[in-house]
């Protein structure tokens, strides 16, 4: 009888809980604990359990790949802020027929028709040394760019004279408290005009292991410009550089959009073999964030704005992006 009762107790005993069940149970009990020290201990224990579970999952996944090879089921994509962004109706594909038709007739179409870029770089009135330093770096960055001292000239007058002399773009570097903090990009002769916040400037000499840039026309890479607004901004930035890169220079400039911040980098590449490529950064580095996009050339009083960044109305979610 004693043996039969012991066997019955074993059969009736519940199966041991898995690590995931224990973690869920502990997480549920954590909310009801009012003692701060006890809650902290439980939180540390919960974190250890989750770390152990992830380690076990990675081991199982590795073993599965070794056993099944290419037949192994694909792993779940990692969730990020970028791939869980809010749905935007203005997201388009680069080969969309409507987009291609619009871009063939808009203000930037003169660049696509083969016109050679000619960029005028100037500053805000009464700049300091830091702004001149960034302007010099920008001139070396864009082949064929020319510097024009501001000397108190009004912006509308500069635009008019630049059109007469055949310039295709004007870049104005603004400053605040003796630091460069803004960049105005005006495409000529009919616009548009974009105003960017400028930040995170790192000059070439401050980059460890940097290379020396040449005068070759670089390749231009635009990453993650998905919306109609993003397409237009990307085309404005691309229009600063020549359409036909000189591949013998092996240099490329990258405008990488991530969460509406446009990161700029310049590299030289070398093919080590058929599979490996080496990169050497040439500098400088800086970051742009779009503040406004205006139709036509610069007009601060009567200009018509296509898009203005309003923080209170637009920055309502971490997963809402516009480029």
C-alpha atoms as a PDB file:
ATOM      1  CA  UNK A   1       0.000   0.000   0.000  1.00  0.00           C
ATOM      2  CA  UNK A   2       2.829   2.362   0.862  1.00  0.00           C
ATOM      3  CA  UNK A   3       4.508   1.737  -2.506  1.00  0.00           C
ATOM      4  CA  UNK A   4       1.237   2.223  -4.406  1.00  0.00           C
ATOM      5  CA  UNK A   5       0.523   5.507  -2.599  1.00  0.00           C
ATOM      6  CA  UNK A   6       4.037   6.821  -3.392  1.00  0.00           C
ATOM      7  CA  UNK A   7       3.593   5.947  -7.076  1.00  0.00           C
ATOM      8  CA  UNK A   8       0.231   7.680  -7.138  1.00  0.00           C
ATOM      9  CA  UNK A   9       1.745  10.824  -5.620  1.00  0.00           C
ATOM     10  CA  UNK A  10       4.479  10.842  -8.305  1.00  0.00           C
ATOM     11  CA  UNK A  11       1.905  10.474 -11.089  1.00  0.00           C
ATOM     12  CA  UNK A  12      -0.223  13.269  -9.639  1.00  0.00           C
ATOM     13  CA  UNK A  13       2.768  15.629  -9.129  1.00  0.00           C
ATOM     14  CA  UNK A  14       2.907  18.465 -11.736  1.00  0.00           C
ATOM     15  CA  UNK A  15       5.742  18.637 -14.266  1.00  0.00           C
ATOM     16  CA  UNK A  16       8.619  20.942 -13.288  1.00  0.00           C
ATOM     17  CA  UNK A  17       8.155  24.474 -14.565  1.00  0.00           C
ATOM     18  CA  UNK A  18      10.335  25.647 -17.439  1.00  0.00           C
ATOM     19  CA  UNK A  19      12.715  28.604 -17.218  1.00  0.00           C
ATOM     20  CA  UNK A  20      10.323  30.764 -19.247  1.00  0.00           C
ATOM     21  CA  UNK A  21       7.426  29.931 -16.900  1.00  0.00           C
ATOM     22  CA  UNK A  22       9.541  30.777 -13.853  1.00  0.00           C
ATOM     23  CA  UNK A  23      10.535  34.095 -15.405  1.00  0.00           C
ATOM     24  CA  UNK A  24       6.915  34.982 -16.186  1.00  0.00           C
ATOM     25  CA  UNK A  25       5.831  34.010 -12.676  1.00  0.00           C
ATOM     26  CA  UNK A  26       8.586  36.095 -11.087  1.00  0.00           C
ATOM     27  CA  UNK A  27       7.769  39.052 -13.334  1.00  0.00           C
ATOM     28  CA  UNK A  28       4.127  38.824 -12.303  1.00  0.00           C
ATOM     29  CA  UNK A  29       4.964  38.714  -8.585  1.00  0.00           C
ATOM     30  CA  UNK A  30       7.430  41.596  -8.936  1.00  0.00           C
ATOM     31  CA  UNK A  31       4.638  44.117  -9.454  1.00  0.00           C
ATOM     32  CA  UNK A  32       2.951  43.256  -6.164  1.00  0.00           C
ATOM     33  CA  UNK A  33       6.074  43.498  -3.952  1.00  0.00           C
ATOM     34  CA  UNK A  34       6.109  46.777  -2.027  1.00  0.00           C
ATOM     35  CA  UNK A  35       9.468  46.389  -0.277  1.00  0.00           C
ATOM     36  CA  UNK A  36      12.039  48.251  -2.352  1.00  0.00           C
ATOM     37  CA  UNK A  37      15.045  46.092  -1.375  1.00  0.00           C
ATOM     38  CA  UNK A  38      13.162  42.859  -1.974  1.00  0.00           C
ATOM     39  CA  UNK A  39      11.901  44.168  -5.311  1.00  0.00           C
ATOM     40  CA  UNK A  40      15.464  45.031  -6.326  1.00  0.00           C
ATOM     41  CA  UNK A  41      16.662  41.490  -5.456  1.00  0.00           C
ATOM     42  CA  UNK A  42      13.829  39.969  -7.477  1.00  0.00           C
ATOM     43  CA  UNK A  43      14.620  42.246 -10.417  1.00  0.00           C
ATOM     44  CA  UNK A  44      18.287  41.114 -10.402  1.00  0.00           C
ATOM     45  CA  UNK A  45      17.173  37.475 -10.257  1.00  0.00           C
ATOM     46  CA  UNK A  46      14.721  38.047 -13.112  1.00  0.00           C
ATOM     47  CA  UNK A  47      17.456  39.616 -15.231  1.00  0.00           C
ATOM     48  CA  UNK A  48      19.727  36.595 -14.632  1.00  0.00           C
ATOM     49  CA  UNK A  49      16.922  34.202 -15.618  1.00  0.00           C
ATOM     50  CA  UNK A  50      16.241  36.099 -18.854  1.00  0.00           C
ATOM     51  CA  UNK A  51      19.950  36.138 -19.704  1.00  0.00           C
ATOM     52  CA  UNK A  52      20.130  32.382 -19.134  1.00  0.00           C
ATOM     53  CA  UNK A  53      17.082  31.808 -21.339  1.00  0.00           C
ATOM     54  CA  UNK A  54      18.585  33.851 -24.171  1.00  0.00           C
ATOM     55  CA  UNK A  55      21.856  31.920 -23.892  1.00  0.00           C
ATOM     56  CA  UNK A  56      19.985  28.606 -24.101  1.00  0.00           C
ATOM     57  CA  UNK A  57      18.026  29.816 -27.111  1.00  0.00           C
ATOM     58  CA  UNK A  58      21.233  30.806 -28.903  1.00  0.00           C
ATOM     59  CA  UNK A  59      22.744  27.375 -28.201  1.00  0.00           C
ATOM     60  CA  UNK A  60      19.631  25.609 -29.533  1.00  0.00           C
ATOM     61  CA  UNK A  61      19.644  27.838 -32.613  1.00  0.00           C
ATOM     62  CA  UNK A  62      23.339  27.141 -33.270  1.00  0.00           C
ATOM     63  CA  UNK A  63      22.821  23.391 -32.871  1.00  0.00           C
ATOM     64  CA  UNK A  64      19.844  23.511 -35.221  1.00  0.00           C
ATOM     65  CA  UNK A  65      21.866  25.306 -37.903  1.00  0.00           C
ATOM     66  CA  UNK A  66      24.716  22.756 -37.572  1.00  0.00           C
ATOM     67  CA  UNK A  67      22.294  19.849 -37.959  1.00  0.00           C
ATOM     68  CA  UNK A  68      20.010  21.205 -40.708  1.00  0.00           C
ATOM     69  CA  UNK A  69      22.322  23.607 -42.528  1.00  0.00           C
ATOM     70  CA  UNK A  70      20.495  25.639 -45.197  1.00  0.00           C
ATOM     71  CA  UNK A  71      17.252  23.809 -44.362  1.00  0.00           C
ATOM     72  CA  UNK A  72      17.144  25.420 -40.907  1.00  0.00           C
ATOM     73  CA  UNK A  73      14.227  27.861 -40.454  1.00  0.00           C
ATOM     74  CA  UNK A  74      15.232  31.527 -40.643  1.00  0.00           C
ATOM     75  CA  UNK A  75      15.698  33.364 -37.369  1.00  0.00           C
ATOM     76  CA  UNK A  76      13.183  36.003 -36.338  1.00  0.00           C
ATOM     77  CA  UNK A  77      14.173  39.544 -37.388  1.00  0.00           C
ATOM     78  CA  UNK A  78      15.235  41.715 -34.501  1.00  0.00           C
ATOM     79  CA  UNK A  79      12.786  44.491 -33.661  1.00  0.00           C
ATOM     80  CA  UNK A  80      14.240  47.970 -33.928  1.00  0.00           C
ATOM     81  CA  UNK A  81      12.785  51.466 -33.881  1.00  0.00           C
ATOM     82  CA  UNK A  82      13.437  51.696 -37.628  1.00  0.00           C
ATOM     83  CA  UNK A  83      11.596  48.532 -38.725  1.00  0.00           C
ATOM     84  CA  UNK A  84       8.692  49.222 -36.347  1.00  0.00           C
ATOM     85  CA  UNK A  85       8.216  52.823 -37.516  1.00  0.00           C
ATOM     86  CA  UNK A  86       4.726  54.255 -37.831  1.00  0.00           C
ATOM     87  CA  UNK A  87       3.061  53.715 -41.192  1.00  0.00           C
ATOM     88  CA  UNK A  88       3.615  56.687 -43.511  1.00  0.00           C
ATOM     89  CA  UNK A  89       1.511  57.064 -46.654  1.00  0.00           C
ATOM     90  CA  UNK A  90       4.283  59.044 -48.374  1.00  0.00           C
ATOM     91  CA  UNK A  91       6.760  56.118 -48.411  1.00  0.00           C
ATOM     92  CA  UNK A  92       7.514  55.309 -52.049  1.00  0.00           C
ATOM     93  CA  UNK A  93       9.840  53.122 -54.098  1.00  0.00           C
ATOM     94  CA  UNK A  94      12.601  54.692 -56.189  1.00  0.00           C
ATOM     95  CA  UNK A  95      11.193  53.105 -59.373  1.00  0.00           C
ATOM     96  CA  UNK A  96       7.618  54.297 -58.772  1.00  0.00           C
ATOM     97  CA  UNK A  97       6.239  55.643 -62.068  1.00  0.00           C
ATOM     98  CA  UNK A  98       4.589  58.677 -60.463  1.00  0.00           C
ATOM     99  CA  UNK A  99       7.795  59.594 -58.602  1.00  0.00           C
ATOM    100  CA  UNK A 100       9.908  59.211 -61.754  1.00  0.00           C
ATOM    101  CA  UNK A 101       7.490  61.416 -63.723  1.00  0.00           C
ATOM    102  CA  UNK A 102       7.490  64.131 -61.037  1.00  0.00           C
ATOM    103  CA  UNK A 103      11.277  64.134 -60.707  1.00  0.00           C
ATOM    104  CA  UNK A 104      11.657  64.529 -64.463  1.00  0.00           C
ATOM    105  CA  UNK A 105       9.891  67.907 -64.395  1.00  0.00           C
ATOM    106  CA  UNK A 106      10.609  69.395 -60.944  1.00  0.00           C
ATOM    107  CA  UNK A 107      13.136  72.078 -59.925  1.00  0.00           C
ATOM    108  CA  UNK A 108      15.961  69.547 -59.556  1.00  0.00           C
ATOM    109  CA  UNK A 109      15.516  68.066 -63.035  1.00  0.00           C
ATOM    110  CA  UNK A 110      18.292  70.290 -64.462  1.00  0.00           C
ATOM    111  CA  UNK A 111      20.801  68.186 -62.496  1.00  0.00           C
ATOM    112  CA  UNK A 112      19.417  64.942 -63.962  1.00  0.00           C
ATOM    113  CA  UNK A 113      19.726  66.440 -67.449  1.00  0.00           C
ATOM    114  CA  UNK A 114      23.513  66.512 -67.093  1.00  0.00           C
ATOM    115  CA  UNK A 115      24.315  70.032 -65.904  1.00  0.00           C
ATOM    116  CA  UNK A 116      27.686  70.214 -64.136  1.00  0.00           C
ATOM    117  CA  UNK A 117      27.402  71.260 -60.458  1.00  0.00           C
ATOM    118  CA  UNK A 118      28.908  74.599 -59.484  1.00  0.00           C
ATOM    119  CA  UNK A 119      28.579  75.320 -55.769  1.00  0.00           C
ATOM    120  CA  UNK A 120      28.949  78.663 -53.996  1.00  0.00           C
ATOM    121  CA  UNK A 121      29.837  78.442 -50.284  1.00  0.00           C
ATOM    122  CA  UNK A 122      29.371  81.403 -47.945  1.00  0.00           C
ATOM    123  CA  UNK A 123      28.670  82.089 -44.279  1.00  0.00           C
ATOM    124  CA  UNK A 124      26.365  84.077 -42.059  1.00  0.00           C
ATOM    125  CA  UNK A 125      27.329  87.756 -41.511  1.00  0.00           C
ATOM    126  CA  UNK A 126      30.370  88.397 -39.305  1.00  0.00           C
ATOM    127  CA  UNK A 127      31.507  84.771 -38.839  1.00  0.00           C
ATOM    128  CA  UNK A 128      34.321  83.614 -36.556  1.00  0.00           C
ATOM    129  CA  UNK A 129      37.250  81.275 -37.125  1.00  0.00           C
ATOM    130  CA  UNK A 130      35.314  78.069 -36.414  1.00  0.00           C
ATOM    131  CA  UNK A 131      32.836  78.789 -39.214  1.00  0.00           C
ATOM    132  CA  UNK A 132      35.651  79.584 -41.641  1.00  0.00           C
ATOM    133  CA  UNK A 133      37.267  76.272 -40.732  1.00  0.00           C
ATOM    134  CA  UNK A 134      34.130  74.291 -41.551  1.00  0.00           C
ATOM    135  CA  UNK A 135      33.651  76.283 -44.761  1.00  0.00           C
ATOM    136  CA  UNK A 136      37.191  75.384 -45.817  1.00  0.00           C
ATOM    137  CA  UNK A 137      36.523  71.686 -45.104  1.00  0.00           C
ATOM    138  CA  UNK A 138      33.293  71.859 -47.106  1.00  0.00           C
ATOM    139  CA  UNK A 139      35.059  73.439 -50.094  1.00  0.00           C
ATOM    140  CA  UNK A 140      37.640  70.616 -50.135  1.00  0.00           C
ATOM    141  CA  UNK A 141      34.791  68.135 -49.783  1.00  0.00           C
ATOM    142  CA  UNK A 142      32.787  69.278 -52.836  1.00  0.00           C
ATOM    143  CA  UNK A 143      34.889  69.353 -56.038  1.00  0.00           C
ATOM    144  CA  UNK A 144      34.613  72.693 -57.813  1.00  0.00           C
ATOM    145  CA  UNK A 145      33.095  74.578 -54.871  1.00  0.00           C
ATOM    146  CA  UNK A 146      34.018  78.261 -54.467  1.00  0.00           C
ATOM    147  CA  UNK A 147      34.013  80.431 -51.352  1.00  0.00           C
ATOM    148  CA  UNK A 148      32.396  83.868 -51.337  1.00  0.00           C
ATOM    149  CA  UNK A 149      33.000  86.159 -48.308  1.00  0.00           C
ATOM    150  CA  UNK A 150      29.659  87.389 -46.979  1.00  0.00           C
ATOM    151  CA  UNK A 151      30.734  90.936 -46.012  1.00  0.00           C
ATOM    152  CA  UNK A 152      27.194  91.920 -45.051  1.00  0.00           C
ATOM    153  CA  UNK A 153      25.660  91.260 -48.483  1.00  0.00           C
ATOM    154  CA  UNK A 154      21.921  90.377 -48.349  1.00  0.00           C
ATOM    155  CA  UNK A 155      21.049  86.797 -49.158  1.00  0.00           C
ATOM    156  CA  UNK A 156      18.687  87.711 -52.006  1.00  0.00           C
ATOM    157  CA  UNK A 157      21.465  89.682 -53.691  1.00  0.00           C
ATOM    158  CA  UNK A 158      23.853  86.732 -53.397  1.00  0.00           C
ATOM    159  CA  UNK A 159      21.236  84.425 -54.947  1.00  0.00           C
ATOM    160  CA  UNK A 160      20.691  86.809 -57.879  1.00  0.00           C
ATOM    161  CA  UNK A 161      24.416  87.192 -58.557  1.00  0.00           C
ATOM    162  CA  UNK A 162      25.034  83.442 -58.231  1.00  0.00           C
ATOM    163  CA  UNK A 163      22.340  82.713 -60.845  1.00  0.00           C
ATOM    164  CA  UNK A 164      23.920  85.235 -63.226  1.00  0.00           C
ATOM    165  CA  UNK A 165      27.349  83.582 -62.807  1.00  0.00           C
ATOM    166  CA  UNK A 166      25.996  80.091 -63.486  1.00  0.00           C
ATOM    167  CA  UNK A 167      26.123  78.558 -60.006  1.00  0.00           C
ATOM    168  CA  UNK A 168      23.797  75.594 -59.409  1.00  0.00           C
ATOM    169  CA  UNK A 169      23.745  75.630 -55.594  1.00  0.00           C
ATOM    170  CA  UNK A 170      24.407  77.944 -52.661  1.00  0.00           C
ATOM    171  CA  UNK A 171      25.520  76.623 -49.265  1.00  0.00           C
ATOM    172  CA  UNK A 172      25.297  79.038 -46.321  1.00  0.00           C
ATOM    173  CA  UNK A 173      26.941  78.009 -43.043  1.00  0.00           C
ATOM    174  CA  UNK A 174      25.250  79.606 -40.043  1.00  0.00           C
ATOM    175  CA  UNK A 175      26.688  79.956 -36.559  1.00  0.00           C
ATOM    176  CA  UNK A 176      25.550  80.619 -33.017  1.00  0.00           C
ATOM    177  CA  UNK A 177      27.801  81.400 -30.043  1.00  0.00           C
ATOM    178  CA  UNK A 178      30.871  81.094 -32.254  1.00  0.00           C
ATOM    179  CA  UNK A 179      29.999  77.543 -33.380  1.00  0.00           C
ATOM    180  CA  UNK A 180      28.628  76.310 -36.694  1.00  0.00           C
ATOM    181  CA  UNK A 181      25.078  75.131 -36.027  1.00  0.00           C
ATOM    182  CA  UNK A 182      23.127  75.416 -39.288  1.00  0.00           C
ATOM    183  CA  UNK A 183      23.397  74.804 -43.019  1.00  0.00           C
ATOM    184  CA  UNK A 184      21.203  76.415 -45.672  1.00  0.00           C
ATOM    185  CA  UNK A 185      21.142  74.666 -49.058  1.00  0.00           C
ATOM    186  CA  UNK A 186      19.562  76.566 -51.951  1.00  0.00           C
ATOM    187  CA  UNK A 187      19.301  74.957 -55.389  1.00  0.00           C
ATOM    188  CA  UNK A 188      19.457  77.359 -58.327  1.00  0.00           C
ATOM    189  CA  UNK A 189      17.846  78.839 -60.305  1.00  0.00           C
ATOM    190  CA  UNK A 190      14.345  77.838 -59.105  1.00  0.00           C
ATOM    191  CA  UNK A 191      14.909  76.223 -55.701  1.00  0.00           C
ATOM    192  CA  UNK A 192      14.016  74.443 -53.496  1.00  0.00           C
ATOM    193  CA  UNK A 193      15.724  75.678 -50.314  1.00  0.00           C
ATOM    194  CA  UNK A 194      16.407  73.427 -47.327  1.00  0.00           C
ATOM    195  CA  UNK A 195      17.489  74.484 -43.859  1.00  0.00           C
ATOM    196  CA  UNK A 196      19.343  71.907 -41.734  1.00  0.00           C
ATOM    197  CA  UNK A 197      20.538  71.837 -38.167  1.00  0.00           C
ATOM    198  CA  UNK A 198      24.290  71.134 -38.214  1.00  0.00           C
ATOM    199  CA  UNK A 199      25.923  69.190 -35.363  1.00  0.00           C
ATOM    200  CA  UNK A 200      28.598  66.633 -34.402  1.00  0.00           C
ATOM    201  CA  UNK A 201      31.344  68.133 -36.574  1.00  0.00           C
ATOM    202  CA  UNK A 202      34.609  66.192 -36.565  1.00  0.00           C
ATOM    203  CA  UNK A 203      37.430  67.480 -38.735  1.00  0.00           C
ATOM    204  CA  UNK A 204      39.804  65.286 -40.708  1.00  0.00           C
ATOM    205  CA  UNK A 205      42.792  65.873 -38.435  1.00  0.00           C
ATOM    206  CA  UNK A 206      40.774  64.654 -35.433  1.00  0.00           C
ATOM    207  CA  UNK A 207      39.940  61.284 -37.046  1.00  0.00           C
ATOM    208  CA  UNK A 208      42.399  58.553 -36.096  1.00  0.00           C
ATOM    209  CA  UNK A 209      44.018  56.852 -39.076  1.00  0.00           C
ATOM    210  CA  UNK A 210      42.495  59.230 -41.613  1.00  0.00           C
ATOM    211  CA  UNK A 211      43.650  59.328 -45.219  1.00  0.00           C
ATOM    212  CA  UNK A 212      44.448  62.205 -47.551  1.00  0.00           C
ATOM    213  CA  UNK A 213      41.661  63.097 -49.987  1.00  0.00           C
ATOM    214  CA  UNK A 214      42.246  63.627 -53.729  1.00  0.00           C
ATOM    215  CA  UNK A 215      40.432  65.859 -56.219  1.00  0.00           C
ATOM    216  CA  UNK A 216      38.608  62.994 -57.949  1.00  0.00           C
ATOM    217  CA  UNK A 217      34.831  63.148 -58.270  1.00  0.00           C
ATOM    218  CA  UNK A 218      33.482  60.787 -55.566  1.00  0.00           C
ATOM    219  CA  UNK A 219      30.658  58.286 -55.761  1.00  0.00           C
ATOM    220  CA  UNK A 220      27.535  59.374 -53.840  1.00  0.00           C
ATOM    221  CA  UNK A 221      25.611  56.907 -51.678  1.00  0.00           C
ATOM    222  CA  UNK A 222      22.153  57.773 -50.313  1.00  0.00           C
ATOM    223  CA  UNK A 223      20.783  55.427 -47.649  1.00  0.00           C
ATOM    224  CA  UNK A 224      17.276  55.148 -46.173  1.00  0.00           C
ATOM    225  CA  UNK A 225      15.553  58.088 -47.868  1.00  0.00           C
ATOM    226  CA  UNK A 226      12.147  56.425 -48.235  1.00  0.00           C
ATOM    227  CA  UNK A 227       9.424  59.105 -48.262  1.00  0.00           C
ATOM    228  CA  UNK A 228       8.636  61.718 -50.920  1.00  0.00           C
ATOM    229  CA  UNK A 229      10.222  64.331 -48.651  1.00  0.00           C
ATOM    230  CA  UNK A 230      13.246  62.084 -48.141  1.00  0.00           C
ATOM    231  CA  UNK A 231      13.636  61.583 -51.904  1.00  0.00           C
ATOM    232  CA  UNK A 232      13.680  65.338 -52.473  1.00  0.00           C
ATOM    233  CA  UNK A 233      16.214  65.974 -49.682  1.00  0.00           C
ATOM    234  CA  UNK A 234      18.433  63.165 -50.958  1.00  0.00           C
ATOM    235  CA  UNK A 235      18.367  64.552 -54.492  1.00  0.00           C
ATOM    236  CA  UNK A 236      19.303  68.025 -53.194  1.00  0.00           C
ATOM    237  CA  UNK A 237      22.336  66.598 -51.389  1.00  0.00           C
ATOM    238  CA  UNK A 238      23.310  64.485 -54.387  1.00  0.00           C
ATOM    239  CA  UNK A 239      23.134  67.537 -56.677  1.00  0.00           C
ATOM    240  CA  UNK A 240      26.206  69.009 -54.926  1.00  0.00           C
ATOM    241  CA  UNK A 241      28.407  66.367 -56.566  1.00  0.00           C
ATOM    242  CA  UNK A 242      29.174  65.478 -60.158  1.00  0.00           C
ATOM    243  CA  UNK A 243      26.941  62.873 -61.847  1.00  0.00           C
ATOM    244  CA  UNK A 244      29.860  60.886 -63.265  1.00  0.00           C
ATOM    245  CA  UNK A 245      32.264  59.767 -60.509  1.00  0.00           C
ATOM    246  CA  UNK A 246      35.915  59.127 -61.262  1.00  0.00           C
ATOM    247  CA  UNK A 247      36.314  55.526 -60.157  1.00  0.00           C
ATOM    248  CA  UNK A 248      40.104  55.647 -60.273  1.00  0.00           C
ATOM    249  CA  UNK A 249      39.954  57.863 -57.170  1.00  0.00           C
ATOM    250  CA  UNK A 250      38.187  55.046 -55.233  1.00  0.00           C
ATOM    251  CA  UNK A 251      36.427  57.586 -53.010  1.00  0.00           C
ATOM    252  CA  UNK A 252      32.783  57.748 -51.954  1.00  0.00           C
ATOM    253  CA  UNK A 253      30.634  60.057 -49.860  1.00  0.00           C
ATOM    254  CA  UNK A 254      27.685  58.705 -47.883  1.00  0.00           C
ATOM    255  CA  UNK A 255      24.543  60.439 -46.669  1.00  0.00           C
ATOM    256  CA  UNK A 256      22.995  57.922 -44.277  1.00  0.00           C
ATOM    257  CA  UNK A 257      19.548  58.725 -42.916  1.00  0.00           C
ATOM    258  CA  UNK A 258      18.713  57.147 -39.566  1.00  0.00           C
ATOM    259  CA  UNK A 259      15.697  58.350 -37.559  1.00  0.00           C
ATOM    260  CA  UNK A 260      15.676  61.605 -39.594  1.00  0.00           C
ATOM    261  CA  UNK A 261      19.317  62.366 -38.746  1.00  0.00           C
ATOM    262  CA  UNK A 262      21.483  62.464 -41.881  1.00  0.00           C
ATOM    263  CA  UNK A 263      25.025  61.298 -41.096  1.00  0.00           C
ATOM    264  CA  UNK A 264      27.783  62.291 -43.526  1.00  0.00           C
ATOM    265  CA  UNK A 265      30.940  60.220 -44.043  1.00  0.00           C
ATOM    266  CA  UNK A 266      33.665  60.124 -46.710  1.00  0.00           C
ATOM    267  CA  UNK A 267      35.854  57.069 -47.373  1.00  0.00           C
ATOM    268  CA  UNK A 268      38.420  55.645 -49.733  1.00  0.00           C
ATOM    269  CA  UNK A 269      38.007  51.963 -50.547  1.00  0.00           C
ATOM    270  CA  UNK A 270      40.306  49.253 -51.873  1.00  0.00           C
ATOM    271  CA  UNK A 271      39.429  45.740 -53.033  1.00  0.00           C
ATOM    272  CA  UNK A 272      41.739  43.361 -51.170  1.00  0.00           C
ATOM    273  CA  UNK A 273      40.322  40.340 -53.019  1.00  0.00           C
ATOM    274  CA  UNK A 274      37.001  39.272 -54.545  1.00  0.00           C
ATOM    275  CA  UNK A 275      35.250  39.186 -51.170  1.00  0.00           C
ATOM    276  CA  UNK A 276      37.038  41.673 -48.909  1.00  0.00           C
ATOM    277  CA  UNK A 277      37.061  45.459 -49.157  1.00  0.00           C
ATOM    278  CA  UNK A 278      39.175  47.835 -47.066  1.00  0.00           C
ATOM    279  CA  UNK A 279      37.955  51.297 -46.026  1.00  0.00           C
ATOM    280  CA  UNK A 280      39.880  54.354 -44.915  1.00  0.00           C
ATOM    281  CA  UNK A 281      37.973  57.378 -43.655  1.00  0.00           C
ATOM    282  CA  UNK A 282      38.949  60.700 -45.191  1.00  0.00           C
ATOM    283  CA  UNK A 283      36.738  63.054 -43.189  1.00  0.00           C
ATOM    284  CA  UNK A 284      35.185  65.326 -42.185  1.00  0.00           C
ATOM    285  CA  UNK A 285      32.141  64.025 -40.312  1.00  0.00           C
ATOM    286  CA  UNK A 286      28.973  65.931 -39.548  1.00  0.00           C
ATOM    287  CA  UNK A 287      25.255  65.386 -38.941  1.00  0.00           C
ATOM    288  CA  UNK A 288      22.283  67.153 -40.517  1.00  0.00           C
ATOM    289  CA  UNK A 289      18.661  67.331 -39.377  1.00  0.00           C
ATOM    290  CA  UNK A 290      16.059  68.916 -41.639  1.00  0.00           C
ATOM    291  CA  UNK A 291      14.279  71.930 -40.136  1.00  0.00           C
ATOM    292  CA  UNK A 292      12.367  73.259 -43.135  1.00  0.00           C
ATOM    293  CA  UNK A 293      11.947  72.914 -46.898  1.00  0.00           C
ATOM    294  CA  UNK A 294      10.921  75.975 -48.864  1.00  0.00           C
ATOM    295  CA  UNK A 295       9.710  76.274 -52.450  1.00  0.00           C
ATOM    296  CA  UNK A 296      11.824  78.444 -54.706  1.00  0.00           C
ATOM    297  CA  UNK A 297      14.997  80.264 -53.698  1.00  0.00           C
ATOM    298  CA  UNK A 298      15.602  81.774 -50.270  1.00  0.00           C
ATOM    299  CA  UNK A 299      12.873  84.172 -49.103  1.00  0.00           C
ATOM    300  CA  UNK A 300      12.445  84.441 -45.334  1.00  0.00           C
ATOM    301  CA  UNK A 301       9.481  86.845 -45.489  1.00  0.00           C
ATOM    302  CA  UNK A 302       7.253  85.747 -48.370  1.00  0.00           C
ATOM    303  CA  UNK A 303       8.547  82.242 -49.096  1.00  0.00           C
ATOM    304  CA  UNK A 304       6.142  79.297 -49.340  1.00  0.00           C
ATOM    305  CA  UNK A 305       7.190  76.387 -47.150  1.00  0.00           C
ATOM    306  CA  UNK A 306       6.530  72.785 -48.209  1.00  0.00           C
ATOM    307  CA  UNK A 307       7.515  71.363 -44.819  1.00  0.00           C
ATOM    308  CA  UNK A 308       8.439  72.791 -41.398  1.00  0.00           C
ATOM    309  CA  UNK A 309       9.514  70.729 -38.411  1.00  0.00           C
ATOM    310  CA  UNK A 310       7.207  71.500 -35.495  1.00  0.00           C
ATOM    311  CA  UNK A 311       8.458  69.675 -32.401  1.00  0.00           C
ATOM    312  CA  UNK A 312       5.234  69.915 -30.385  1.00  0.00           C
ATOM    313  CA  UNK A 313       3.029  68.548 -33.156  1.00  0.00           C
ATOM    314  CA  UNK A 314       5.415  66.156 -34.901  1.00  0.00           C
ATOM    315  CA  UNK A 315       7.650  64.671 -32.201  1.00  0.00           C
ATOM    316  CA  UNK A 316       4.784  62.736 -30.614  1.00  0.00           C
ATOM    317  CA  UNK A 317       6.319  59.266 -30.988  1.00  0.00           C
ATOM    318  CA  UNK A 318       9.800  57.756 -31.091  1.00  0.00           C
ATOM    319  CA  UNK A 319       8.692  55.693 -34.098  1.00  0.00           C
ATOM    320  CA  UNK A 320       7.505  58.552 -36.267  1.00  0.00           C
ATOM    321  CA  UNK A 321       9.921  59.594 -39.022  1.00  0.00           C
ATOM    322  CA  UNK A 322       9.577  61.890 -42.037  1.00  0.00           C
ATOM    323  CA  UNK A 323      12.535  61.077 -44.309  1.00  0.00           C
END
